[in-house]
Protein backbone atom coordinates (compact mmCIF):
# COMPACT_ATOMS: atom_id res chain seq x y z
CA MET A 1 19.77 57.64 -83.06
CA GLN A 2 17.15 59.47 -81.02
CA THR A 3 17.52 60.01 -77.34
CA GLY A 4 14.84 59.65 -74.66
CA ASP A 5 14.52 63.44 -74.39
CA SER A 6 13.75 63.88 -78.08
CA ASN A 7 11.14 61.07 -77.99
CA ALA A 8 9.47 62.67 -74.97
CA LEU A 9 9.43 66.04 -76.74
CA ARG A 10 7.87 64.51 -79.86
CA MET A 11 5.21 62.77 -77.77
CA PHE A 12 4.47 66.00 -75.89
CA ILE A 13 4.11 68.00 -79.12
CA GLY A 14 1.97 65.25 -80.68
CA GLY A 15 -0.31 65.13 -77.64
CA LEU A 16 -0.57 68.91 -77.60
CA THR A 17 -1.50 68.93 -81.29
CA VAL A 18 -4.15 66.22 -80.85
CA GLY A 19 -5.62 68.09 -77.85
CA LEU A 20 -5.71 71.33 -79.80
CA VAL A 21 -7.47 69.72 -82.76
CA ILE A 22 -10.06 68.04 -80.50
CA GLY A 23 -10.61 71.26 -78.55
CA LEU A 24 -11.12 73.36 -81.67
CA GLY A 25 -13.43 70.75 -83.17
CA GLY A 26 -15.52 70.71 -79.99
CA ALA A 27 -15.71 74.50 -79.96
CA LEU A 28 -16.86 74.56 -83.58
CA LEU A 29 -19.53 71.93 -82.89
CA ALA A 30 -20.79 73.80 -79.83
CA THR A 31 -21.18 77.09 -81.71
CA ARG A 32 -22.75 75.85 -84.94
CA PRO A 33 -26.34 76.85 -85.71
CA LEU A 34 -29.17 74.44 -85.00
CA PRO A 35 -30.01 72.09 -87.88
CA GLY A 36 -33.23 71.84 -89.82
CA PRO A 37 -36.02 74.36 -89.37
CA TYR A 38 -34.02 76.13 -86.66
CA ALA A 39 -31.15 77.08 -88.99
CA ALA A 40 -32.35 80.67 -88.95
CA ALA A 41 -31.53 81.38 -85.34
CA ILE A 42 -34.49 82.72 -83.46
CA ARG A 43 -33.68 85.68 -81.28
CA SER A 44 -36.02 87.07 -78.72
CA SER A 45 -35.86 90.34 -76.84
CA PRO A 46 -34.31 90.32 -73.37
CA LEU A 47 -36.71 89.31 -70.63
CA SER A 48 -37.52 91.45 -67.63
CA SER A 49 -36.54 90.15 -64.20
CA ALA A 50 -40.15 89.17 -63.52
CA ASP A 51 -40.35 87.25 -66.82
CA GLN A 52 -37.02 85.53 -66.13
CA THR A 53 -38.33 84.40 -62.76
CA ARG A 54 -41.58 83.22 -64.37
CA VAL A 55 -39.64 81.23 -67.01
CA GLN A 56 -37.48 79.58 -64.33
CA ASP A 57 -40.60 78.66 -62.34
CA MET A 58 -42.26 77.24 -65.45
CA LEU A 59 -39.16 75.21 -66.36
CA ALA A 60 -39.04 73.81 -62.81
CA ALA A 61 -42.71 72.87 -63.08
CA GLY A 62 -42.11 71.23 -66.45
CA ASN A 63 -39.21 69.25 -65.02
CA ALA A 64 -41.39 68.15 -62.08
CA HIS A 65 -44.09 66.91 -64.49
CA MET A 66 -41.39 65.03 -66.43
CA ARG A 67 -40.22 63.27 -63.25
CA MET A 68 -43.82 62.24 -62.54
CA ALA A 69 -44.19 60.94 -66.14
CA ASN A 70 -46.89 63.53 -66.83
CA TYR A 71 -45.51 64.25 -70.29
CA GLU A 72 -48.53 66.08 -71.72
CA ASN A 73 -48.51 68.74 -68.99
CA ALA A 74 -44.72 69.02 -69.22
CA ALA A 75 -44.97 69.57 -72.98
CA ASP A 76 -47.66 72.24 -72.44
CA ILE A 77 -45.41 74.13 -70.05
CA TYR A 78 -42.31 73.90 -72.23
CA GLU A 79 -44.30 75.07 -75.23
CA ARG A 80 -45.66 78.06 -73.27
CA VAL A 81 -42.10 79.09 -72.38
CA LEU A 82 -41.13 78.98 -76.06
CA VAL A 83 -44.24 80.73 -77.36
CA GLU A 84 -44.86 83.34 -74.69
CA PHE A 85 -41.42 84.19 -73.32
CA ASP A 86 -38.25 82.92 -74.97
CA CYS A 87 -38.44 81.03 -78.24
CA ALA A 88 -34.70 80.24 -78.06
CA ASN A 89 -34.72 78.77 -74.53
CA ALA A 90 -32.53 75.67 -74.75
CA GLU A 91 -33.98 73.94 -71.68
CA ALA A 92 -37.56 74.35 -72.91
CA ARG A 93 -36.55 73.11 -76.37
CA ARG A 94 -34.88 70.01 -74.89
CA GLY A 95 -37.90 69.34 -72.68
CA LEU A 96 -40.36 69.73 -75.53
CA GLU A 97 -38.20 67.56 -77.78
CA ALA A 98 -38.19 64.85 -75.12
CA THR A 99 -41.94 65.02 -74.46
CA SER A 100 -43.46 65.95 -77.82
CA PRO A 101 -41.06 66.34 -80.78
CA ASP A 102 -43.90 67.12 -83.20
CA ARG A 103 -44.88 70.17 -81.13
CA LEU A 104 -41.26 71.36 -81.10
CA ALA A 105 -41.20 71.29 -84.89
CA ALA A 106 -44.28 73.54 -84.96
CA SER A 107 -43.24 75.95 -82.17
CA PRO A 108 -41.05 78.39 -84.19
CA GLN A 109 -44.10 79.37 -86.26
CA HIS A 110 -45.67 80.90 -83.16
CA CYS A 111 -42.47 82.24 -81.67
CA GLY A 112 -42.65 85.83 -80.47
CA LYS A 113 -46.40 86.14 -81.12
CA GLY A 114 -47.53 85.35 -77.59
CA ASP A 115 -48.41 88.00 -75.03
CA ARG A 116 -46.03 88.58 -72.21
CA GLY A 117 -47.63 89.30 -69.13
């Protein structure tokens, strides 16, 4: 017959195992490559401090246009971030996907060809 201590130990080990499996699964999902046309991860060169500031300002402007339901201008800004500065910028990709998914599908073709400036 099992005692209360052995049942508690089994429950602890079972809970630890379940937590470990869920944690590893989440880590694997978070680090997998993007699906579809983005499977070949797009890498861009590091941005200068001035360009990083410009990207942050542009993302803030895009978010402001989103809040005002001005989706066309928001999509224009997000697309400029991806084309001219950082084609792998997650926030710009999410914004463009929310405002104009068809433009997001076309954006990797132009990635890295814009002038920084």
